[in-house]
Amino acid sequence: MRNILKGFLEKETWMHGLNKYMVVVGIIIIYLAYTARYFGMQNGLVITILTWSFFVFCTPVADAGFLLDFPIRLLTGMRMIYTEIIVWVIALLVNIGAMLFAPAIYQKTLILSVFYHIITHPWPMGIIILLSVIGTFLSIFLGDELMDV
């Protein structure tokens, strides 16, 4: 583990990745604190996770998935393209659970209400998710190649 971490810290691209990771983690923590303050800890946590899944599904870059991709890559050496598939499955399962057990939570924030509209109206709104899939996996594929240099 120590050798993996040492090699990780020696590469400039990895340091850039670590900096990016820390920024994303910081944003999530601040958002969690905000939502927990206004909606209670339980709802705040669910809102934060659903908001994360919104960014997984509806942005054509892998920044939201990066929360899981980066540490998995660091610990296992698994390529990010595979960990991103895991991220999308987790985000899908989270949304299925929320839709089944707490659909009203999507109305608590503007982002989640827009997300609810997107996922409940697959046509034409599903195009947003389709474009995000293409953009995310293309950016992961290209970015993963850079990380291997």
Protein backbone atom coordinates (compact mmCIF):
# COMPACT_ATOMS: atom_id res chain seq x y z
CA MET A 1 0.00 0.00 0.00
CA ARG A 2 2.81 2.39 0.88
CA ASN A 3 4.50 1.80 -2.50
CA ILE A 4 1.23 2.42 -4.33
CA LEU A 5 0.73 5.67 -2.45
CA LYS A 6 4.35 6.73 -3.00
CA GLY A 7 4.10 6.08 -6.74
CA PHE A 8 0.78 7.86 -6.78
CA LEU A 9 2.17 11.01 -5.22
CA GLU A 10 5.16 11.12 -7.56
CA LYS A 11 3.12 11.51 -10.74
CA GLU A 12 2.01 15.04 -11.53
CA THR A 13 -1.20 13.86 -13.18
CA TRP A 14 -2.05 11.92 -10.03
CA MET A 15 -1.44 14.99 -7.90
CA HIS A 16 -3.79 16.93 -10.15
CA GLY A 17 -6.31 14.12 -9.68
CA LEU A 18 -5.90 14.26 -5.91
CA ASN A 19 -6.45 18.02 -5.90
CA LYS A 20 -9.55 17.65 -8.04
CA TYR A 21 -10.80 14.87 -5.78
CA MET A 22 -10.37 16.98 -2.66
CA VAL A 23 -12.31 19.86 -4.26
CA VAL A 24 -15.20 17.54 -5.19
CA VAL A 25 -15.23 16.00 -1.70
CA GLY A 26 -15.23 19.48 -0.16
CA ILE A 27 -18.19 20.56 -2.29
CA ILE A 28 -20.15 17.44 -1.32
CA ILE A 29 -19.42 17.97 2.38
CA ILE A 30 -20.52 21.62 2.21
CA TYR A 31 -23.68 20.64 0.33
CA LEU A 32 -24.42 17.89 2.85
CA ALA A 33 -24.03 20.37 5.71
CA TYR A 34 -26.40 22.77 3.95
CA THR A 35 -29.07 20.17 3.20
CA ALA A 36 -28.80 18.61 6.66
CA ARG A 37 -29.30 22.04 8.22
CA TYR A 38 -32.43 22.82 6.22
CA PHE A 39 -34.01 19.39 5.75
CA GLY A 40 -32.69 17.38 8.70
CA MET A 41 -29.84 14.91 8.67
CA GLN A 42 -31.73 11.97 7.16
CA ASN A 43 -33.38 13.96 4.37
CA GLY A 44 -30.20 15.98 3.88
CA LEU A 45 -28.19 12.83 3.31
CA VAL A 46 -30.74 11.44 0.85
CA ILE A 47 -30.95 14.79 -0.97
CA THR A 48 -27.15 14.94 -1.20
CA ILE A 49 -26.93 11.41 -2.59
CA LEU A 50 -29.72 12.06 -5.09
CA THR A 51 -28.08 15.32 -6.14
CA TRP A 52 -24.85 13.40 -6.66
CA SER A 53 -26.77 10.94 -8.83
CA PHE A 54 -28.21 13.86 -10.81
CA PHE A 55 -24.67 14.94 -11.65
CA VAL A 56 -23.74 11.35 -12.51
CA PHE A 57 -26.67 11.04 -14.92
CA CYS A 58 -27.02 14.54 -16.31
CA THR A 59 -23.53 15.95 -16.80
CA PRO A 60 -21.27 14.75 -19.60
CA VAL A 61 -18.16 14.60 -17.43
CA ALA A 62 -17.21 12.17 -14.70
CA ASP A 63 -16.83 14.65 -11.84
CA ALA A 64 -19.63 13.23 -9.70
CA GLY A 65 -18.57 9.65 -10.33
CA PHE A 66 -15.03 10.73 -9.56
CA LEU A 67 -15.92 10.53 -5.85
CA LEU A 68 -15.86 6.75 -6.16
CA ASP A 69 -13.70 6.30 -9.27
CA PHE A 70 -10.58 7.90 -7.86
CA PRO A 71 -10.25 5.96 -4.59
CA ILE A 72 -11.17 2.68 -6.26
CA ARG A 73 -8.51 3.28 -8.88
CA LEU A 74 -5.99 4.21 -6.21
CA LEU A 75 -6.67 1.12 -4.11
CA THR A 76 -7.23 -1.49 -6.80
CA GLY A 77 -5.59 -0.16 -9.94
CA MET A 78 -8.86 -0.81 -11.77
CA ARG A 79 -9.38 1.35 -14.84
CA MET A 80 -11.80 4.22 -14.31
CA ILE A 81 -13.94 3.18 -17.24
CA TYR A 82 -14.94 0.09 -15.24
CA THR A 83 -15.41 1.92 -11.96
CA GLU A 84 -17.63 4.45 -13.74
CA ILE A 85 -19.93 1.60 -14.73
CA ILE A 86 -20.15 0.70 -11.04
CA VAL A 87 -20.91 4.36 -10.23
CA TRP A 88 -23.75 4.45 -12.76
CA VAL A 89 -25.22 1.24 -11.34
CA ILE A 90 -25.07 2.65 -7.80
CA ALA A 91 -26.70 5.90 -8.95
CA LEU A 92 -29.42 3.92 -10.73
CA LEU A 93 -30.12 1.79 -7.65
CA VAL A 94 -30.26 4.88 -5.43
CA ASN A 95 -32.84 6.45 -7.73
CA ILE A 96 -34.91 3.29 -7.98
CA GLY A 97 -35.00 3.14 -4.19
CA ALA A 98 -35.93 6.80 -3.89
CA MET A 99 -38.65 6.49 -6.53
CA LEU A 100 -40.13 3.46 -4.77
CA PHE A 101 -39.87 4.58 -1.15
CA ALA A 102 -39.64 8.39 -1.07
CA PRO A 103 -40.62 10.00 -4.37
CA ALA A 104 -41.61 13.23 -2.61
CA ILE A 105 -37.95 13.90 -1.79
CA TYR A 106 -37.40 14.90 -5.41
CA GLN A 107 -39.55 17.99 -4.79
CA LYS A 108 -37.37 19.34 -1.98
CA THR A 109 -34.85 21.14 -4.20
CA LEU A 110 -34.93 22.68 -7.65
CA ILE A 111 -32.18 20.38 -8.94
CA LEU A 112 -34.02 17.29 -7.77
CA SER A 113 -37.35 18.44 -9.18
CA VAL A 114 -35.69 18.96 -12.58
CA PHE A 115 -34.02 15.57 -12.22
CA TYR A 116 -37.36 13.96 -11.37
CA HIS A 117 -38.84 15.47 -14.52
CA ILE A 118 -35.94 14.13 -16.59
CA ILE A 119 -36.17 10.58 -15.27
CA THR A 120 -39.97 10.41 -15.38
CA HIS A 121 -40.14 11.70 -18.96
CA PRO A 122 -37.71 9.50 -20.86
CA TRP A 123 -38.72 11.04 -24.15
CA PRO A 124 -37.43 13.62 -24.98
CA MET A 125 -35.64 14.25 -21.66
CA GLY A 126 -33.78 10.95 -21.83
CA ILE A 127 -31.59 12.53 -24.49
CA ILE A 128 -29.90 14.47 -21.68
CA ILE A 129 -28.90 11.22 -20.00
CA LEU A 130 -27.86 9.65 -23.31
CA LEU A 131 -25.58 12.59 -24.11
CA SER A 132 -24.19 12.41 -20.59
CA VAL A 133 -23.41 8.71 -20.98
CA ILE A 134 -21.54 9.39 -24.20
CA GLY A 135 -19.67 12.39 -22.81
CA THR A 136 -18.84 10.77 -19.49
CA PHE A 137 -17.47 7.56 -20.90
CA LEU A 138 -15.59 9.36 -23.65
CA SER A 139 -13.97 11.69 -21.11
CA ILE A 140 -13.19 8.74 -18.82
CA PHE A 141 -11.67 6.78 -21.69
CA LEU A 142 -9.49 9.69 -22.77
CA GLY A 143 -8.65 10.73 -19.21
CA ASP A 144 -7.79 7.18 -18.20
CA GLU A 145 -5.31 7.00 -21.05
CA LEU A 146 -3.64 10.16 -19.74
CA MET A 147 -3.43 8.73 -16.22
CA ASP A 148 -1.60 5.69 -17.56
CA VAL A 149 1.12 7.82 -19.19
